[in-house]
PDB file of N, CA and C in Angstrom:
ATOM      1  N   MET A   1       0.842  -1.177   0.000  1.00  0.00           N
ATOM      2  CA  MET A   1       0.000   0.000   0.000  1.00  0.00           C
ATOM      3  C   MET A   1       0.887   1.241   0.000  1.00  0.00           C
ATOM      4  N   THR A   2       0.618   2.121  -0.915  1.00  0.00           N
ATOM      5  CA  THR A   2       1.377   3.348  -1.028  1.00  0.00           C
ATOM      6  C   THR A   2       0.523   4.512  -0.552  1.00  0.00           C
ATOM      7  N   LEU A   3       1.089   5.287   0.346  1.00  0.00           N
ATOM      8  CA  LEU A   3       0.378   6.448   0.861  1.00  0.00           C
ATOM      9  C   LEU A   3       0.633   7.658  -0.017  1.00  0.00           C
ATOM     10  N   SER A   4      -0.340   8.548  -0.042  1.00  0.00           N
ATOM     11  CA  SER A   4      -0.120   9.811  -0.726  1.00  0.00           C
ATOM     12  C   SER A   4       0.836  10.663   0.106  1.00  0.00           C
ATOM     13  N   TYR A   5       1.360  11.690  -0.496  1.00  0.00           N
ATOM     14  CA  TYR A   5       2.312  12.553   0.201  1.00  0.00           C
ATOM     15  C   TYR A   5       1.701  13.177   1.462  1.00  0.00           C
ATOM     16  N   PRO A   6       0.481  13.745   1.395  1.00  0.00           N
ATOM     17  CA  PRO A   6      -0.096  14.302   2.630  1.00  0.00           C
ATOM     18  C   PRO A   6      -0.353  13.232   3.696  1.00  0.00           C
ATOM     19  N   GLY A   7      -0.742  12.043   3.284  1.00  0.00           N
ATOM     20  CA  GLY A   7      -0.962  10.967   4.248  1.00  0.00           C
ATOM     21  C   GLY A   7       0.326  10.546   4.939  1.00  0.00           C
ATOM     22  N   ARG A   8       1.413  10.459   4.179  1.00  0.00           N
ATOM     23  CA  ARG A   8       2.710  10.100   4.751  1.00  0.00           C
ATOM     24  C   ARG A   8       3.197  11.171   5.708  1.00  0.00           C
ATOM     25  N   ILE A   9       3.039  12.429   5.338  1.00  0.00           N
ATOM     26  CA  ILE A   9       3.455  13.530   6.210  1.00  0.00           C
ATOM     27  C   ILE A   9       2.613  13.541   7.477  1.00  0.00           C
ATOM     28  N   PHE A  10       1.320  13.254   7.359  1.00  0.00           N
ATOM     29  CA  PHE A  10       0.459  13.211   8.539  1.00  0.00           C
ATOM     30  C   PHE A  10       0.906  12.102   9.498  1.00  0.00           C
ATOM     31  N   LEU A  11       1.209  10.916   8.970  1.00  0.00           N
ATOM     32  CA  LEU A  11       1.663   9.822   9.825  1.00  0.00           C
ATOM     33  C   LEU A  11       3.024  10.133  10.459  1.00  0.00           C
ATOM     34  N   LEU A  12       3.911  10.773   9.724  1.00  0.00           N
ATOM     35  CA  LEU A  12       5.190  11.177  10.299  1.00  0.00           C
ATOM     36  C   LEU A  12       5.002  12.238  11.371  1.00  0.00           C
ATOM     37  N   LEU A  13       4.083  13.152  11.147  1.00  0.00           N
ATOM     38  CA  LEU A  13       3.805  14.187  12.138  1.00  0.00           C
ATOM     39  C   LEU A  13       3.236  13.582  13.416  1.00  0.00           C
ATOM     40  N   MET A  14       2.344  12.608  13.283  1.00  0.00           N
ATOM     41  CA  MET A  14       1.788  11.942  14.462  1.00  0.00           C
ATOM     42  C   MET A  14       2.866  11.130  15.199  1.00  0.00           C
ATOM     43  N   ALA A  15       3.738  10.486  14.434  1.00  0.00           N
ATOM     44  CA  ALA A  15       4.831   9.736  15.057  1.00  0.00           C
ATOM     45  C   ALA A  15       5.764  10.678  15.794  1.00  0.00           C
ATOM     46  N   ALA A  16       6.083  11.815  15.179  1.00  0.00           N
ATOM     47  CA  ALA A  16       6.977  12.773  15.826  1.00  0.00           C
ATOM     48  C   ALA A  16       6.335  13.349  17.081  1.00  0.00           C
ATOM     49  N   THR A  17       5.049  13.631  17.030  1.00  0.00           N
ATOM     50  CA  THR A  17       4.381  14.252  18.172  1.00  0.00           C
ATOM     51  C   THR A  17       4.186  13.264  19.311  1.00  0.00           C
ATOM     52  N   PHE A  18       3.476  12.180  19.050  1.00  0.00           N
ATOM     53  CA  PHE A  18       3.112  11.262  20.133  1.00  0.00           C
ATOM     54  C   PHE A  18       4.217  10.258  20.445  1.00  0.00           C
ATOM     55  N   GLY A  19       4.838   9.710  19.422  1.00  0.00           N
ATOM     56  CA  GLY A  19       5.945   8.787  19.652  1.00  0.00           C
ATOM     57  C   GLY A  19       7.146   9.475  20.263  1.00  0.00           C
ATOM     58  N   GLY A  20       7.424  10.699  19.816  1.00  0.00           N
ATOM     59  CA  GLY A  20       8.522  11.462  20.396  1.00  0.00           C
ATOM     60  C   GLY A  20       8.272  11.796  21.852  1.00  0.00           C
ATOM     61  N   TYR A  21       7.027  12.127  22.171  1.00  0.00           N
ATOM     62  CA  TYR A  21       6.673  12.409  23.564  1.00  0.00           C
ATOM     63  C   TYR A  21       6.834  11.158  24.426  1.00  0.00           C
ATOM     64  N   LEU A  22       6.402  10.021  23.908  1.00  0.00           N
ATOM     65  CA  LEU A  22       6.521   8.775  24.652  1.00  0.00           C
ATOM     66  C   LEU A  22       7.983   8.409  24.878  1.00  0.00           C
ATOM     67  N   LEU A  23       8.800   8.532  23.846  1.00  0.00           N
ATOM     68  CA  LEU A  23      10.227   8.237  23.981  1.00  0.00           C
ATOM     69  C   LEU A  23      10.894   9.203  24.955  1.00  0.00           C
ATOM     70  N   THR A  24      10.547  10.463  24.875  1.00  0.00           N
ATOM     71  CA  THR A  24      11.125  11.456  25.782  1.00  0.00           C
ATOM     72  C   THR A  24      10.766  11.150  27.225  1.00  0.00           C
ATOM     73  N   SER A  25       9.537  10.762  27.477  1.00  0.00           N
ATOM     74  CA  SER A  25       9.125  10.409  28.840  1.00  0.00           C
ATOM     75  C   SER A  25       9.892   9.196  29.348  1.00  0.00           C
ATOM     76  N   ALA A  26      10.087   8.213  28.477  1.00  0.00           N
ATOM     77  CA  ALA A  26      10.819   7.007  28.871  1.00  0.00           C
ATOM     78  C   ALA A  26      12.278   7.334  29.190  1.00  0.00           C
ATOM     79  N   VAL A  27      12.895   8.177  28.365  1.00  0.00           N
ATOM     80  CA  VAL A  27      14.289   8.549  28.607  1.00  0.00           C
ATOM     81  C   VAL A  27      14.408   9.378  29.882  1.00  0.00           C
ATOM     82  N   MET A  28      13.413  10.216  30.162  1.00  0.00           N
ATOM     83  CA  MET A  28      13.426  10.986  31.413  1.00  0.00           C
ATOM     84  C   MET A  28      13.401  10.070  32.632  1.00  0.00           C
ATOM     85  N   ILE A  29      12.610   9.008  32.559  1.00  0.00           N
ATOM     86  CA  ILE A  29      12.553   8.046  33.664  1.00  0.00           C
ATOM     87  C   ILE A  29      13.919   7.398  33.865  1.00  0.00           C
ATOM     88  N   LEU A  30      14.545   6.998  32.761  1.00  0.00           N
ATOM     89  CA  LEU A  30      15.852   6.351  32.850  1.00  0.00           C
ATOM     90  C   LEU A  30      16.916   7.301  33.389  1.00  0.00           C
ATOM     91  N   ILE A  31      16.957   8.512  32.884  1.00  0.00           N
ATOM     92  CA  ILE A  31      17.958   9.468  33.341  1.00  0.00           C
ATOM     93  C   ILE A  31      17.769   9.789  34.818  1.00  0.00           C
ATOM     94  N   ALA A  32      16.534   9.989  35.237  1.00  0.00           N
ATOM     95  CA  ALA A  32      16.267  10.298  36.639  1.00  0.00           C
ATOM     96  C   ALA A  32      16.661   9.133  37.548  1.00  0.00           C
ATOM     97  N   ALA A  33      16.540   7.914  37.039  1.00  0.00           N
ATOM     98  CA  ALA A  33      16.920   6.748  37.843  1.00  0.00           C
ATOM     99  C   ALA A  33      18.436   6.597  37.933  1.00  0.00           C
ATOM    100  N   LEU A  34      19.153   7.011  36.897  1.00  0.00           N
ATOM    101  CA  LEU A  34      20.600   6.797  36.854  1.00  0.00           C
ATOM    102  C   LEU A  34      21.410   7.895  37.542  1.00  0.00           C
ATOM    103  N   LEU A  35      20.884   9.092  37.604  1.00  0.00           N
ATOM    104  CA  LEU A  35      21.662  10.201  38.160  1.00  0.00           C
ATOM    105  C   LEU A  35      21.842  10.053  39.675  1.00  0.00           C
ATOM    106  N   PRO A  36      23.065  10.256  40.147  1.00  0.00           N
ATOM    107  CA  PRO A  36      23.327  10.123  41.590  1.00  0.00           C
ATOM    108  C   PRO A  36      23.038  11.428  42.340  1.00  0.00           C
ATOM    109  N   LEU A  37      21.849  11.951  42.147  1.00  0.00           N
ATOM    110  CA  LEU A  37      21.419  13.179  42.800  1.00  0.00           C
ATOM    111  C   LEU A  37      20.196  12.886  43.650  1.00  0.00           C
ATOM    112  N   SER A  38      19.758  13.874  44.393  1.00  0.00           N
ATOM    113  CA  SER A  38      18.494  13.695  45.100  1.00  0.00           C
ATOM    114  C   SER A  38      17.389  13.524  44.059  1.00  0.00           C
ATOM    115  N   ARG A  39      16.285  12.962  44.471  1.00  0.00           N
ATOM    116  CA  ARG A  39      15.216  12.660  43.520  1.00  0.00           C
ATOM    117  C   ARG A  39      14.719  13.925  42.815  1.00  0.00           C
ATOM    118  N   ALA A  40      14.552  14.999  43.555  1.00  0.00           N
ATOM    119  CA  ALA A  40      14.058  16.248  42.960  1.00  0.00           C
ATOM    120  C   ALA A  40      15.057  16.806  41.945  1.00  0.00           C
ATOM    121  N   ASP A  41      16.342  16.794  42.286  1.00  0.00           N
ATOM    122  CA  ASP A  41      17.352  17.307  41.371  1.00  0.00           C
ATOM    123  C   ASP A  41      17.462  16.435  40.121  1.00  0.00           C
ATOM    124  N   ALA A  42      17.356  15.130  40.278  1.00  0.00           N
ATOM    125  CA  ALA A  42      17.431  14.228  39.129  1.00  0.00           C
ATOM    126  C   ALA A  42      16.256  14.463  38.182  1.00  0.00           C
ATOM    127  N   VAL A  43      15.092  14.716  38.722  1.00  0.00           N
ATOM    128  CA  VAL A  43      13.921  14.980  37.881  1.00  0.00           C
ATOM    129  C   VAL A  43      14.085  16.301  37.145  1.00  0.00           C
ATOM    130  N   ILE A  44      14.618  17.312  37.806  1.00  0.00           N
ATOM    131  CA  ILE A  44      14.822  18.610  37.154  1.00  0.00           C
ATOM    132  C   ILE A  44      15.853  18.491  36.026  1.00  0.00           C
ATOM    133  N   VAL A  45      16.952  17.799  36.281  1.00  0.00           N
ATOM    134  CA  VAL A  45      17.975  17.629  35.238  1.00  0.00           C
ATOM    135  C   VAL A  45      17.410  16.841  34.060  1.00  0.00           C
ATOM    136  N   SER A  46      16.674  15.783  34.330  1.00  0.00           N
ATOM    137  CA  SER A  46      16.107  14.996  33.228  1.00  0.00           C
ATOM    138  C   SER A  46      15.052  15.795  32.467  1.00  0.00           C
ATOM    139  N   ALA A  47      14.311  16.657  33.167  1.00  0.00           N
ATOM    140  CA  ALA A  47      13.328  17.496  32.477  1.00  0.00           C
ATOM    141  C   ALA A  47      14.020  18.516  31.573  1.00  0.00           C
ATOM    142  N   LEU A  48      15.147  19.042  32.010  1.00  0.00           N
ATOM    143  CA  LEU A  48      15.885  19.985  31.167  1.00  0.00           C
ATOM    144  C   LEU A  48      16.469  19.287  29.938  1.00  0.00           C
ATOM    145  N   LEU A  49      16.933  18.070  30.117  1.00  0.00           N
ATOM    146  CA  LEU A  49      17.472  17.313  28.979  1.00  0.00           C
ATOM    147  C   LEU A  49      16.380  16.844  28.017  1.00  0.00           C
ATOM    148  N   SER A  50      15.143  16.802  28.488  1.00  0.00           N
ATOM    149  CA  SER A  50      14.056  16.289  27.660  1.00  0.00           C
ATOM    150  C   SER A  50      13.822  17.146  26.422  1.00  0.00           C
ATOM    151  N   PHE A  51      14.119  18.438  26.495  1.00  0.00           N
ATOM    152  CA  PHE A  51      13.928  19.289  25.319  1.00  0.00           C
ATOM    153  C   PHE A  51      14.842  18.858  24.177  1.00  0.00           C
ATOM    154  N   ALA A  52      16.082  18.548  24.485  1.00  0.00           N
ATOM    155  CA  ALA A  52      17.021  18.094  23.467  1.00  0.00           C
ATOM    156  C   ALA A  52      16.634  16.707  22.945  1.00  0.00           C
ATOM    157  N   ILE A  53      16.167  15.846  23.831  1.00  0.00           N
ATOM    158  CA  ILE A  53      15.780  14.488  23.432  1.00  0.00           C
ATOM    159  C   ILE A  53      14.566  14.528  22.506  1.00  0.00           C
ATOM    160  N   TYR A  54      13.578  15.342  22.848  1.00  0.00           N
ATOM    161  CA  TYR A  54      12.374  15.448  22.023  1.00  0.00           C
ATOM    162  C   TYR A  54      12.708  16.024  20.651  1.00  0.00           C
ATOM    163  N   THR A  55      13.576  17.016  20.619  1.00  0.00           N
ATOM    164  CA  THR A  55      13.996  17.603  19.348  1.00  0.00           C
ATOM    165  C   THR A  55      14.721  16.570  18.487  1.00  0.00           C
ATOM    166  N   ALA A  56      15.608  15.779  19.099  1.00  0.00           N
ATOM    167  CA  ALA A  56      16.322  14.740  18.357  1.00  0.00           C
ATOM    168  C   ALA A  56      15.362  13.681  17.829  1.00  0.00           C
ATOM    169  N   ALA A  57      14.345  13.325  18.608  1.00  0.00           N
ATOM    170  CA  ALA A  57      13.363  12.335  18.151  1.00  0.00           C
ATOM    171  C   ALA A  57      12.585  12.858  16.949  1.00  0.00           C
ATOM    172  N   ILE A  58      12.208  14.126  16.972  1.00  0.00           N
ATOM    173  CA  ILE A  58      11.472  14.710  15.845  1.00  0.00           C
ATOM    174  C   ILE A  58      12.352  14.738  14.597  1.00  0.00           C
ATOM    175  N   ILE A  59      13.593  15.135  14.754  1.00  0.00           N
ATOM    176  CA  ILE A  59      14.506  15.161  13.609  1.00  0.00           C
ATOM    177  C   ILE A  59      14.695  13.761  13.048  1.00  0.00           C
ATOM    178  N   TRP A  60      14.824  12.751  13.928  1.00  0.00           N
ATOM    179  CA  TRP A  60      15.013  11.375  13.469  1.00  0.00           C
ATOM    180  C   TRP A  60      13.797  10.885  12.681  1.00  0.00           C
ATOM    181  N   VAL A  61      12.598  11.204  13.162  1.00  0.00           N
ATOM    182  CA  VAL A  61      11.381  10.749  12.476  1.00  0.00           C
ATOM    183  C   VAL A  61      11.342  11.280  11.047  1.00  0.00           C
ATOM    184  N   PHE A  62      11.648  12.535  10.857  1.00  0.00           N
ATOM    185  CA  PHE A  62      11.579  13.092   9.510  1.00  0.00           C
ATOM    186  C   PHE A  62      12.796  12.739   8.667  1.00  0.00           C
ATOM    187  N   ALA A  63      13.854  12.277   9.288  1.00  0.00           N
ATOM    188  CA  ALA A  63      15.005  11.787   8.518  1.00  0.00           C
ATOM    189  C   ALA A  63      14.742  10.389   7.976  1.00  0.00           C
ATOM    190  N   VAL A  64      13.933   9.604   8.692  1.00  0.00           N
ATOM    191  CA  VAL A  64      13.627   8.234   8.266  1.00  0.00           C
ATOM    192  C   VAL A  64      12.768   8.228   7.017  1.00  0.00           C
ATOM    193  N   LYS A  65      11.734   9.066   6.958  1.00  0.00           N
ATOM    194  CA  LYS A  65      10.822   9.193   5.815  1.00  0.00           C
ATOM    195  C   LYS A  65      10.025   7.922   5.530  1.00  0.00           C
ATOM    196  N   ASN A  66       9.916   7.048   6.496  1.00  0.00           N
ATOM    197  CA  ASN A  66       9.081   5.865   6.382  1.00  0.00           C
ATOM    198  C   ASN A  66       8.277   5.787   7.670  1.00  0.00           C
ATOM    199  N   ALA A  67       6.969   5.960   7.568  1.00  0.00           N
ATOM    200  CA  ALA A  67       6.133   6.064   8.757  1.00  0.00           C
ATOM    201  C   ALA A  67       6.169   4.783   9.595  1.00  0.00           C
ATOM    202  N   LYS A  68       6.179   3.634   8.952  1.00  0.00           N
ATOM    203  CA  LYS A  68       6.197   2.375   9.700  1.00  0.00           C
ATOM    204  C   LYS A  68       7.496   2.237  10.497  1.00  0.00           C
ATOM    205  N   ARG A  69       8.611   2.539   9.872  1.00  0.00           N
ATOM    206  CA  ARG A  69       9.896   2.447  10.570  1.00  0.00           C
ATOM    207  C   ARG A  69       9.982   3.484  11.694  1.00  0.00           C
ATOM    208  N   ALA A  70       9.430   4.662  11.474  1.00  0.00           N
ATOM    209  CA  ALA A  70       9.440   5.697  12.503  1.00  0.00           C
ATOM    210  C   ALA A  70       8.620   5.263  13.717  1.00  0.00           C
ATOM    211  N   TRP A  71       7.415   4.749  13.469  1.00  0.00           N
ATOM    212  CA  TRP A  71       6.571   4.302  14.586  1.00  0.00           C
ATOM    213  C   TRP A  71       7.199   3.142  15.337  1.00  0.00           C
ATOM    214  N   PHE A  72       7.659   2.125  14.613  1.00  0.00           N
ATOM    215  CA  PHE A  72       8.259   0.968  15.280  1.00  0.00           C
ATOM    216  C   PHE A  72       9.540   1.334  16.012  1.00  0.00           C
ATOM    217  N   GLY A  73      10.323   2.219  15.434  1.00  0.00           N
ATOM    218  CA  GLY A  73      11.549   2.657  16.095  1.00  0.00           C
ATOM    219  C   GLY A  73      11.276   3.393  17.394  1.00  0.00           C
ATOM    220  N   LEU A  74      10.332   4.325  17.356  1.00  0.00           N
ATOM    221  CA  LEU A  74      10.016   5.094  18.558  1.00  0.00           C
ATOM    222  C   LEU A  74       9.343   4.228  19.623  1.00  0.00           C
ATOM    223  N   LEU A  75       8.396   3.411  19.212  1.00  0.00           N
ATOM    224  CA  LEU A  75       7.702   2.568  20.189  1.00  0.00           C
ATOM    225  C   LEU A  75       8.621   1.507  20.774  1.00  0.00           C
ATOM    226  N   GLY A  76       9.458   0.912  19.937  1.00  0.00           N
ATOM    227  CA  GLY A  76      10.395  -0.097  20.432  1.00  0.00           C
ATOM    228  C   GLY A  76      11.388   0.480  21.426  1.00  0.00           C
ATOM    229  N   MET A  77      11.967   1.622  21.076  1.00  0.00           N
ATOM    230  CA  MET A  77      12.917   2.260  21.993  1.00  0.00           C
ATOM    231  C   MET A  77      12.222   2.731  23.269  1.00  0.00           C
ATOM    232  N   SER A  78      10.985   3.184  23.162  1.00  0.00           N
ATOM    233  CA  SER A  78      10.246   3.623  24.349  1.00  0.00           C
ATOM    234  C   SER A  78      10.020   2.473  25.315  1.00  0.00           C
ATOM    235  N   VAL A  79       9.657   1.320  24.779  1.00  0.00           N
ATOM    236  CA  VAL A  79       9.422   0.149  25.634  1.00  0.00           C
ATOM    237  C   VAL A  79      10.724  -0.301  26.298  1.00  0.00           C
ATOM    238  N   ILE A  80      11.793  -0.353  25.529  1.00  0.00           N
ATOM    239  CA  ILE A  80      13.076  -0.808  26.076  1.00  0.00           C
ATOM    240  C   ILE A  80      13.605   0.171  27.118  1.00  0.00           C
ATOM    241  N   VAL A  81      13.679   1.436  26.756  1.00  0.00           N
ATOM    242  CA  VAL A  81      14.247   2.436  27.660  1.00  0.00           C
ATOM    243  C   VAL A  81      13.342   2.657  28.866  1.00  0.00           C
ATOM    244  N   GLY A  82      12.037   2.725  28.647  1.00  0.00           N
ATOM    245  CA  GLY A  82      11.104   2.913  29.757  1.00  0.00           C
ATOM    246  C   GLY A  82      11.109   1.730  30.713  1.00  0.00           C
ATOM    247  N   GLY A  83      11.149   0.525  30.171  1.00  0.00           N
ATOM    248  CA  GLY A  83      11.207  -0.657  31.026  1.00  0.00           C
ATOM    249  C   GLY A  83      12.480  -0.709  31.843  1.00  0.00           C
ATOM    250  N   LEU A  84      13.589  -0.384  31.210  1.00  0.00           N
ATOM    251  CA  LEU A  84      14.858  -0.348  31.929  1.00  0.00           C
ATOM    252  C   LEU A  84      14.848   0.728  33.009  1.00  0.00           C
ATOM    253  N   GLY A  85      14.284   1.879  32.688  1.00  0.00           N
ATOM    254  CA  GLY A  85      14.185   2.953  33.677  1.00  0.00           C
ATOM    255  C   GLY A  85      13.319   2.570  34.860  1.00  0.00           C
ATOM    256  N   LEU A  86      12.196   1.914  34.590  1.00  0.00           N
ATOM    257  CA  LEU A  86      11.324   1.484  35.690  1.00  0.00           C
ATOM    258  C   LEU A  86      11.980   0.402  36.537  1.00  0.00           C
ATOM    259  N   LEU A  87      12.680  -0.529  35.883  1.00  0.00           N
ATOM    260  CA  LEU A  87      13.396  -1.560  36.642  1.00  0.00           C
ATOM    261  C   LEU A  87      14.464  -0.953  37.526  1.00  0.00           C
ATOM    262  N   LEU A  88      15.237  -0.008  36.985  1.00  0.00           N
ATOM    263  CA  LEU A  88      16.284   0.629  37.780  1.00  0.00           C
ATOM    264  C   LEU A  88      15.693   1.472  38.903  1.00  0.00           C
ATOM    265  N   THR A  89      14.561   2.112  38.640  1.00  0.00           N
ATOM    266  CA  THR A  89      13.926   2.904  39.689  1.00  0.00           C
ATOM    267  C   THR A  89      13.512   2.017  40.860  1.00  0.00           C
ATOM    268  N   GLU A  90      12.954   0.863  40.563  1.00  0.00           N
ATOM    269  CA  GLU A  90      12.541  -0.049  41.621  1.00  0.00           C
ATOM    270  C   GLU A  90      13.741  -0.699  42.294  1.00  0.00           C
ATOM    271  N   TRP A  91      14.763  -1.008  41.517  1.00  0.00           N
ATOM    272  CA  TRP A  91      15.947  -1.679  42.049  1.00  0.00           C
ATOM    273  C   TRP A  91      16.778  -0.752  42.936  1.00  0.00           C
ATOM    274  N   LEU A  92      16.892   0.516  42.548  1.00  0.00           N
ATOM    275  CA  LEU A  92      17.700   1.463  43.285  1.00  0.00           C
ATOM    276  C   LEU A  92      16.956   2.133  44.423  1.00  0.00           C
ATOM    277  N   ARG A  93      15.695   1.876  44.564  1.00  0.00           N
ATOM    278  CA  ARG A  93      14.898   2.507  45.620  1.00  0.00           C
ATOM    279  C   ARG A  93      15.283   2.048  46.970  1.00  0.00           C
TER     280      ARG A  93
END
């Protein structure tokens, strides 16, 4: 199935918006779990880094130019990084 140009751009835009947000949240969890700071300071540092992470995710989505690969890449990395972050959060608690 071949998508039209507006359809492909719409799917890439949705992947960049929602998938990028999901990946950014997962990376924030991981960074906050790994930093050897107080919990509040680790959350603030990870929140500040989230702007760069979200921007990189958006750039990556539009560099791929394949909506299926963009969605699977973002969702796969979100599950892996988020799961690792949650495991480390529970383990280091």
